[in-house]
Amino acid sequence: MHDLLYVFDAYCGWCYGMAPALHELAADDDIRITVVHGALFSGANSAPIGRFGHIPGANARIAELTGVAFGPDYERLLSEGRTLLDSDAAARGLAALRASAGDDRALEMAGAMQAAFYRDGRSLSDAETYAAIAADRGLDADAVQRHLDDDVIAGQARRDQDWLAELGVHSYPMLLLRRGDELVQIGSPTASAAQLRAQITAAARIVPAPHEATAGLACSPDGCAD
């Protein structure tokens, strides 16, 4: 069994671009993925989407290299520029969904959040967004709302973010393979599931994994590398 730590942020465009390959990889019987939400737009970095002028260009590059589509409702949200990007609220939302769905569906819940934002143009700070996800994924919407209001759940989300900061993780996405007592970074947002699998196999054998020319593609508080 290969244990992977997937560090993502629901407001990270490159994370959205990587999602299809990662979901395909997760279907492998010997792959176990733990999802941790980051803090891309947290604290002083949280602001309306219109403040981040790099996003339209980055989205075009993400679509070109990964094939993901940005929905018309998202494009309208982007053009209006008013929606607040708040990673702390999104981290709390993922924690609430995971508390209802179970840890084994965390990657699915992360994908549902990405679809809600990048396809449907929904804010990940709104309770109605999580009610819609709950209805679509067969969860108890009332239970999800209770988890959203639960300070214990919020504390779990905050501890995950603090732990990532201690690890020195400040850009997304990041896929880490647990190899003994160490975490080994693998992959890139443009890698296919087969390429990720090859890199996991190589890294697990302590053979340097092949690096791609796109390995630096990531989102950080300073923008999205392209």
C-alpha atoms as a PDB file:
ATOM      1  CA  MET A   1       0.000   0.000   0.000  1.00  0.00           C
ATOM      2  CA  HIS A   2       1.282   3.438  -0.948  1.00  0.00           C
ATOM      3  CA  ASP A   3       0.248   6.218   1.435  1.00  0.00           C
ATOM      4  CA  LEU A   4       0.011   9.655  -0.151  1.00  0.00           C
ATOM      5  CA  LEU A   5      -0.617  13.056   1.367  1.00  0.00           C
ATOM      6  CA  TYR A   6      -2.447  15.377  -1.003  1.00  0.00           C
ATOM      7  CA  VAL A   7      -2.059  19.020  -0.035  1.00  0.00           C
ATOM      8  CA  PHE A   8      -4.518  21.190  -1.913  1.00  0.00           C
ATOM      9  CA  ASP A   9      -6.548  24.347  -1.681  1.00  0.00           C
ATOM     10  CA  ALA A  10     -10.055  24.467  -3.115  1.00  0.00           C
ATOM     11  CA  TYR A  11      -9.280  27.927  -4.534  1.00  0.00           C
ATOM     12  CA  CYS A  12      -6.096  26.740  -6.260  1.00  0.00           C
ATOM     13  CA  GLY A  13      -6.476  26.532 -10.037  1.00  0.00           C
ATOM     14  CA  TRP A  14      -3.618  24.080 -10.510  1.00  0.00           C
ATOM     15  CA  CYS A  15      -5.195  21.805  -7.888  1.00  0.00           C
ATOM     16  CA  TYR A  16      -8.339  21.825 -10.012  1.00  0.00           C
ATOM     17  CA  GLY A  17      -6.228  20.988 -13.047  1.00  0.00           C
ATOM     18  CA  MET A  18      -4.598  18.046 -11.281  1.00  0.00           C
ATOM     19  CA  ALA A  19      -7.871  16.630  -9.973  1.00  0.00           C
ATOM     20  CA  PRO A  20      -8.801  14.275 -12.860  1.00  0.00           C
ATOM     21  CA  ALA A  21      -5.470  12.431 -12.765  1.00  0.00           C
ATOM     22  CA  LEU A  22      -5.528  12.253  -8.989  1.00  0.00           C
ATOM     23  CA  HIS A  23      -9.051  10.815  -8.880  1.00  0.00           C
ATOM     24  CA  GLU A  24      -8.036   8.215 -11.457  1.00  0.00           C
ATOM     25  CA  LEU A  25      -4.975   7.325  -9.402  1.00  0.00           C
ATOM     26  CA  ALA A  26      -7.081   6.999  -6.249  1.00  0.00           C
ATOM     27  CA  ALA A  27      -9.057   4.163  -7.855  1.00  0.00           C
ATOM     28  CA  ASP A  28      -5.979   1.916  -7.613  1.00  0.00           C
ATOM     29  CA  ASP A  29      -6.345  -0.668  -4.848  1.00  0.00           C
ATOM     30  CA  ASP A  30      -2.867  -0.038  -3.455  1.00  0.00           C
ATOM     31  CA  ILE A  31      -3.187   3.744  -3.227  1.00  0.00           C
ATOM     32  CA  ARG A  32      -4.405   5.517  -0.096  1.00  0.00           C
ATOM     33  CA  ILE A  33      -4.688   9.304  -0.220  1.00  0.00           C
ATOM     34  CA  THR A  34      -5.041  11.577   2.797  1.00  0.00           C
ATOM     35  CA  VAL A  35      -6.363  15.031   1.882  1.00  0.00           C
ATOM     36  CA  VAL A  36      -5.237  18.142   3.746  1.00  0.00           C
ATOM     37  CA  HIS A  37      -6.576  21.614   2.946  1.00  0.00           C
ATOM     38  CA  GLY A  38      -4.093  24.459   2.803  1.00  0.00           C
ATOM     39  CA  ALA A  39      -4.153  28.219   3.376  1.00  0.00           C
ATOM     40  CA  LEU A  40      -3.615  29.800  -0.037  1.00  0.00           C
ATOM     41  CA  PHE A  41      -5.982  32.716   0.628  1.00  0.00           C
ATOM     42  CA  SER A  42      -5.836  32.856   4.407  1.00  0.00           C
ATOM     43  CA  GLY A  43      -5.677  35.785   6.792  1.00  0.00           C
ATOM     44  CA  ALA A  44      -4.220  38.856   5.105  1.00  0.00           C
ATOM     45  CA  ASN A  45      -4.149  36.976   1.779  1.00  0.00           C
ATOM     46  CA  SER A  46      -7.940  36.567   1.754  1.00  0.00           C
ATOM     47  CA  ALA A  47      -9.555  39.086  -0.624  1.00  0.00           C
ATOM     48  CA  PRO A  48     -12.166  39.384  -3.387  1.00  0.00           C
ATOM     49  CA  ILE A  49     -11.228  37.401  -6.474  1.00  0.00           C
ATOM     50  CA  GLY A  50     -11.004  40.572  -8.552  1.00  0.00           C
ATOM     51  CA  ARG A  51      -7.898  41.601  -6.602  1.00  0.00           C
ATOM     52  CA  PHE A  52      -5.899  38.770  -8.140  1.00  0.00           C
ATOM     53  CA  GLY A  53      -5.214  39.885 -11.689  1.00  0.00           C
ATOM     54  CA  HIS A  54      -3.153  36.791 -12.541  1.00  0.00           C
ATOM     55  CA  ILE A  55      -6.107  34.411 -12.301  1.00  0.00           C
ATOM     56  CA  PRO A  56      -7.599  34.696 -15.836  1.00  0.00           C
ATOM     57  CA  GLY A  57      -4.220  34.097 -17.476  1.00  0.00           C
ATOM     58  CA  ALA A  58      -3.407  31.261 -15.114  1.00  0.00           C
ATOM     59  CA  ASN A  59      -6.782  29.637 -15.822  1.00  0.00           C
ATOM     60  CA  ALA A  60      -6.116  29.741 -19.570  1.00  0.00           C
ATOM     61  CA  ARG A  61      -2.778  28.027 -19.020  1.00  0.00           C
ATOM     62  CA  ILE A  62      -4.330  25.426 -16.693  1.00  0.00           C
ATOM     63  CA  ALA A  63      -7.049  24.609 -19.221  1.00  0.00           C
ATOM     64  CA  GLU A  64      -4.472  24.353 -22.016  1.00  0.00           C
ATOM     65  CA  LEU A  65      -2.145  21.985 -20.157  1.00  0.00           C
ATOM     66  CA  THR A  66      -4.638  19.821 -18.238  1.00  0.00           C
ATOM     67  CA  GLY A  67      -7.845  19.937 -20.269  1.00  0.00           C
ATOM     68  CA  VAL A  68     -10.100  20.965 -17.377  1.00  0.00           C
ATOM     69  CA  ALA A  69     -12.982  23.324 -18.137  1.00  0.00           C
ATOM     70  CA  PHE A  70     -14.040  26.408 -16.206  1.00  0.00           C
ATOM     71  CA  GLY A  71     -17.820  26.748 -16.188  1.00  0.00           C
ATOM     72  CA  PRO A  72     -19.732  29.823 -17.403  1.00  0.00           C
ATOM     73  CA  ASP A  73     -21.055  30.498 -13.892  1.00  0.00           C
ATOM     74  CA  TYR A  74     -17.495  30.572 -12.603  1.00  0.00           C
ATOM     75  CA  GLU A  75     -16.433  32.848 -15.451  1.00  0.00           C
ATOM     76  CA  ARG A  76     -19.246  35.215 -14.497  1.00  0.00           C
ATOM     77  CA  LEU A  77     -18.120  35.142 -10.863  1.00  0.00           C
ATOM     78  CA  LEU A  78     -14.577  35.902 -12.008  1.00  0.00           C
ATOM     79  CA  SER A  79     -15.622  38.811 -14.192  1.00  0.00           C
ATOM     80  CA  GLU A  80     -17.745  40.345 -11.429  1.00  0.00           C
ATOM     81  CA  GLY A  81     -14.750  40.111  -9.092  1.00  0.00           C
ATOM     82  CA  ARG A  82     -16.646  40.340  -5.796  1.00  0.00           C
ATOM     83  CA  THR A  83     -16.495  36.802  -4.405  1.00  0.00           C
ATOM     84  CA  LEU A  84     -14.218  36.521  -1.388  1.00  0.00           C
ATOM     85  CA  LEU A  85     -11.474  33.914  -1.608  1.00  0.00           C
ATOM     86  CA  ASP A  86     -11.180  32.627   1.956  1.00  0.00           C
ATOM     87  CA  SER A  87      -9.219  29.402   2.347  1.00  0.00           C
ATOM     88  CA  ASP A  88     -10.008  29.184   6.051  1.00  0.00           C
ATOM     89  CA  ALA A  89     -13.731  28.929   5.267  1.00  0.00           C
ATOM     90  CA  ALA A  90     -13.027  26.346   2.559  1.00  0.00           C
ATOM     91  CA  ALA A  91     -10.850  24.297   4.932  1.00  0.00           C
ATOM     92  CA  ARG A  92     -13.674  24.335   7.458  1.00  0.00           C
ATOM     93  CA  GLY A  93     -16.098  23.283   4.720  1.00  0.00           C
ATOM     94  CA  LEU A  94     -13.959  20.294   3.762  1.00  0.00           C
ATOM     95  CA  ALA A  95     -13.689  19.294   7.426  1.00  0.00           C
ATOM     96  CA  ALA A  96     -17.485  19.461   7.755  1.00  0.00           C
ATOM     97  CA  LEU A  97     -18.041  17.355   4.644  1.00  0.00           C
ATOM     98  CA  ARG A  98     -15.429  14.825   5.734  1.00  0.00           C
ATOM     99  CA  ALA A  99     -17.029  14.558   9.177  1.00  0.00           C
ATOM    100  CA  SER A 100     -20.282  13.598   7.456  1.00  0.00           C
ATOM    101  CA  ALA A 101     -18.966  11.478   4.598  1.00  0.00           C
ATOM    102  CA  GLY A 102     -15.997   9.794   6.285  1.00  0.00           C
ATOM    103  CA  ASP A 103     -12.260  10.013   5.691  1.00  0.00           C
ATOM    104  CA  ASP A 104     -12.422   7.533   2.809  1.00  0.00           C
ATOM    105  CA  ARG A 105     -14.501  10.043   0.800  1.00  0.00           C
ATOM    106  CA  ALA A 106     -12.351  13.092   1.530  1.00  0.00           C
ATOM    107  CA  LEU A 107     -10.898  13.257  -1.994  1.00  0.00           C
ATOM    108  CA  GLU A 108     -14.403  12.990  -3.427  1.00  0.00           C
ATOM    109  CA  MET A 109     -15.543  15.856  -1.188  1.00  0.00           C
ATOM    110  CA  ALA A 110     -12.558  17.947  -2.265  1.00  0.00           C
ATOM    111  CA  GLY A 111     -13.523  17.338  -5.876  1.00  0.00           C
ATOM    112  CA  ALA A 112     -17.123  18.307  -5.144  1.00  0.00           C
ATOM    113  CA  MET A 113     -15.924  21.606  -3.693  1.00  0.00           C
ATOM    114  CA  GLN A 114     -13.791  22.280  -6.758  1.00  0.00           C
ATOM    115  CA  ALA A 115     -16.769  21.566  -9.014  1.00  0.00           C
ATOM    116  CA  ALA A 116     -18.979  23.854  -6.935  1.00  0.00           C
ATOM    117  CA  PHE A 117     -16.518  26.720  -7.383  1.00  0.00           C
ATOM    118  CA  TYR A 118     -14.903  26.229 -10.794  1.00  0.00           C
ATOM    119  CA  ARG A 119     -17.949  24.801 -12.566  1.00  0.00           C
ATOM    120  CA  ASP A 120     -20.979  26.192 -10.749  1.00  0.00           C
ATOM    121  CA  GLY A 121     -19.537  29.505  -9.547  1.00  0.00           C
ATOM    122  CA  ARG A 122     -20.495  28.980  -5.899  1.00  0.00           C
ATOM    123  CA  SER A 123     -18.680  30.591  -2.997  1.00  0.00           C
ATOM    124  CA  LEU A 124     -17.012  28.148  -0.631  1.00  0.00           C
ATOM    125  CA  SER A 125     -17.832  30.503   2.237  1.00  0.00           C
ATOM    126  CA  ASP A 126     -21.599  29.959   1.838  1.00  0.00           C
ATOM    127  CA  ALA A 127     -23.475  27.309   3.804  1.00  0.00           C
ATOM    128  CA  GLU A 128     -25.811  26.851   0.826  1.00  0.00           C
ATOM    129  CA  THR A 129     -22.891  25.560  -1.219  1.00  0.00           C
ATOM    130  CA  TYR A 130     -22.313  22.738   1.248  1.00  0.00           C
ATOM    131  CA  ALA A 131     -26.025  21.972   1.427  1.00  0.00           C
ATOM    132  CA  ALA A 132     -25.990  21.555  -2.355  1.00  0.00           C
ATOM    133  CA  ILE A 133     -22.919  19.302  -2.185  1.00  0.00           C
ATOM    134  CA  ALA A 134     -24.583  17.237   0.558  1.00  0.00           C
ATOM    135  CA  ALA A 135     -27.711  16.762  -1.550  1.00  0.00           C
ATOM    136  CA  ASP A 136     -25.678  15.829  -4.625  1.00  0.00           C
ATOM    137  CA  ARG A 137     -23.463  13.363  -2.739  1.00  0.00           C
ATOM    138  CA  GLY A 138     -26.120  11.675  -0.618  1.00  0.00           C
ATOM    139  CA  LEU A 139     -25.139  13.277   2.690  1.00  0.00           C
ATOM    140  CA  ASP A 140     -27.349  14.607   5.469  1.00  0.00           C
ATOM    141  CA  ALA A 141     -27.434  18.347   4.797  1.00  0.00           C
ATOM    142  CA  ASP A 142     -28.478  19.135   8.383  1.00  0.00           C
ATOM    143  CA  ALA A 143     -25.528  17.158   9.717  1.00  0.00           C
ATOM    144  CA  VAL A 144     -23.154  19.006   7.384  1.00  0.00           C
ATOM    145  CA  GLN A 145     -24.546  22.322   8.640  1.00  0.00           C
ATOM    146  CA  ARG A 146     -24.034  21.260  12.252  1.00  0.00           C
ATOM    147  CA  HIS A 147     -20.434  20.375  11.441  1.00  0.00           C
ATOM    148  CA  LEU A 148     -19.942  23.755   9.772  1.00  0.00           C
ATOM    149  CA  ASP A 149     -21.069  25.418  13.002  1.00  0.00           C
ATOM    150  CA  ASP A 150     -18.967  23.148  15.227  1.00  0.00           C
ATOM    151  CA  ASP A 151     -15.898  24.830  16.712  1.00  0.00           C
ATOM    152  CA  VAL A 152     -14.254  21.429  17.163  1.00  0.00           C
ATOM    153  CA  ILE A 153     -14.440  20.826  13.408  1.00  0.00           C
ATOM    154  CA  ALA A 154     -13.091  24.330  12.786  1.00  0.00           C
ATOM    155  CA  GLY A 155     -10.221  23.600  15.156  1.00  0.00           C
ATOM    156  CA  GLN A 156      -9.348  20.431  13.242  1.00  0.00           C
ATOM    157  CA  ALA A 157      -9.191  22.393   9.990  1.00  0.00           C
ATOM    158  CA  ARG A 158      -6.989  25.051  11.579  1.00  0.00           C
ATOM    159  CA  ARG A 159      -4.610  22.435  13.013  1.00  0.00           C
ATOM    160  CA  ASP A 160      -4.216  20.890   9.556  1.00  0.00           C
ATOM    161  CA  GLN A 161      -3.277  24.288   8.149  1.00  0.00           C
ATOM    162  CA  ASP A 162      -0.855  24.940  10.997  1.00  0.00           C
ATOM    163  CA  TRP A 163       0.764  21.540  10.461  1.00  0.00           C
ATOM    164  CA  LEU A 164       1.315  22.314   6.784  1.00  0.00           C
ATOM    165  CA  ALA A 165       2.929  25.613   7.752  1.00  0.00           C
ATOM    166  CA  GLU A 166       5.273  23.724  10.079  1.00  0.00           C
ATOM    167  CA  LEU A 167       6.190  21.439   7.161  1.00  0.00           C
ATOM    168  CA  GLY A 168       6.982  24.512   5.088  1.00  0.00           C
ATOM    169  CA  VAL A 169       4.183  23.939   2.586  1.00  0.00           C
ATOM    170  CA  HIS A 170       3.101  27.254   1.049  1.00  0.00           C
ATOM    171  CA  SER A 171       2.318  26.311  -2.563  1.00  0.00           C
ATOM    172  CA  TYR A 172      -0.269  24.004  -4.046  1.00  0.00           C
ATOM    173  CA  PRO A 173      -0.913  21.355  -5.140  1.00  0.00           C
ATOM    174  CA  MET A 174       1.626  19.130  -3.443  1.00  0.00           C
ATOM    175  CA  LEU A 175       1.550  15.336  -3.536  1.00  0.00           C
ATOM    176  CA  LEU A 176       3.747  13.644  -0.941  1.00  0.00           C
ATOM    177  CA  LEU A 177       4.570   9.961  -0.644  1.00  0.00           C
ATOM    178  CA  ARG A 178       5.119   8.550   2.835  1.00  0.00           C
ATOM    179  CA  ARG A 179       8.355   6.573   2.683  1.00  0.00           C
ATOM    180  CA  GLY A 180       9.267   5.379   6.133  1.00  0.00           C
ATOM    181  CA  ASP A 181       9.610   8.452   8.319  1.00  0.00           C
ATOM    182  CA  GLU A 182       9.951  10.892   5.426  1.00  0.00           C
ATOM    183  CA  LEU A 183       7.632  12.589   2.964  1.00  0.00           C
ATOM    184  CA  VAL A 184       8.812  12.594  -0.652  1.00  0.00           C
ATOM    185  CA  GLN A 185       7.301  15.069  -3.105  1.00  0.00           C
ATOM    186  CA  ILE A 186       6.202  13.596  -6.425  1.00  0.00           C
ATOM    187  CA  GLY A 187       4.288  14.578  -9.509  1.00  0.00           C
ATOM    188  CA  SER A 188       3.134  17.821 -11.046  1.00  0.00           C
ATOM    189  CA  PRO A 189      -0.310  19.264 -11.900  1.00  0.00           C
ATOM    190  CA  THR A 190       0.056  18.211 -15.539  1.00  0.00           C
ATOM    191  CA  ALA A 191       1.063  14.592 -14.854  1.00  0.00           C
ATOM    192  CA  SER A 192      -1.288  11.816 -15.944  1.00  0.00           C
ATOM    193  CA  ALA A 193      -2.381   9.094 -13.547  1.00  0.00           C
ATOM    194  CA  ALA A 194       0.063   6.714 -15.250  1.00  0.00           C
ATOM    195  CA  GLN A 195       2.912   9.188 -14.814  1.00  0.00           C
ATOM    196  CA  LEU A 196       2.032   9.671 -11.149  1.00  0.00           C
ATOM    197  CA  ARG A 197       1.954   5.907 -10.677  1.00  0.00           C
ATOM    198  CA  ALA A 198       5.420   5.548 -12.258  1.00  0.00           C
ATOM    199  CA  GLN A 199       6.817   8.263 -10.011  1.00  0.00           C
ATOM    200  CA  ILE A 200       5.291   6.650  -6.924  1.00  0.00           C
ATOM    201  CA  THR A 201       6.829   3.297  -7.850  1.00  0.00           C
ATOM    202  CA  ALA A 202      10.223   4.879  -8.450  1.00  0.00           C
ATOM    203  CA  ALA A 203      10.140   6.925  -5.236  1.00  0.00           C
ATOM    204  CA  ALA A 204       9.013   3.935  -3.169  1.00  0.00           C
ATOM    205  CA  ARG A 205      12.090   2.041  -4.362  1.00  0.00           C
ATOM    206  CA  ILE A 206      14.302   4.996  -3.395  1.00  0.00           C
ATOM    207  CA  VAL A 207      15.158   5.588  -7.036  1.00  0.00           C
ATOM    208  CA  PRO A 208      14.985   9.249  -8.104  1.00  0.00           C
ATOM    209  CA  ALA A 209      11.618   9.820  -9.744  1.00  0.00           C
ATOM    210  CA  PRO A 210      11.626  11.422 -13.189  1.00  0.00           C
ATOM    211  CA  HIS A 211      10.984  15.156 -13.145  1.00  0.00           C
ATOM    212  CA  GLU A 212       8.910  16.912 -15.753  1.00  0.00           C
ATOM    213  CA  ALA A 213       9.512  20.331 -17.234  1.00  0.00           C
ATOM    214  CA  THR A 214       6.242  21.445 -15.624  1.00  0.00           C
ATOM    215  CA  ALA A 215       7.199  20.385 -12.103  1.00  0.00           C
ATOM    216  CA  GLY A 216       7.215  24.001 -10.883  1.00  0.00           C
ATOM    217  CA  LEU A 217       3.571  24.659 -11.731  1.00  0.00           C
ATOM    218  CA  ALA A 218       1.809  25.673  -8.533  1.00  0.00           C
ATOM    219  CA  CYS A 219      -0.265  28.314  -6.807  1.00  0.00           C
ATOM    220  CA  SER A 220       1.068  30.313  -3.889  1.00  0.00           C
ATOM    221  CA  PRO A 221      -0.060  33.518  -2.170  1.00  0.00           C
ATOM    222  CA  ASP A 222       2.142  35.370  -4.697  1.00  0.00           C
ATOM    223  CA  GLY A 223       0.314  33.939  -7.719  1.00  0.00           C
ATOM    224  CA  CYS A 224       0.225  30.871  -9.968  1.00  0.00           C
ATOM    225  CA  ALA A 225       3.432  29.782 -11.656  1.00  0.00           C
ATOM    226  CA  ASP A 226       3.048  28.968 -15.327  1.00  0.00           C
END
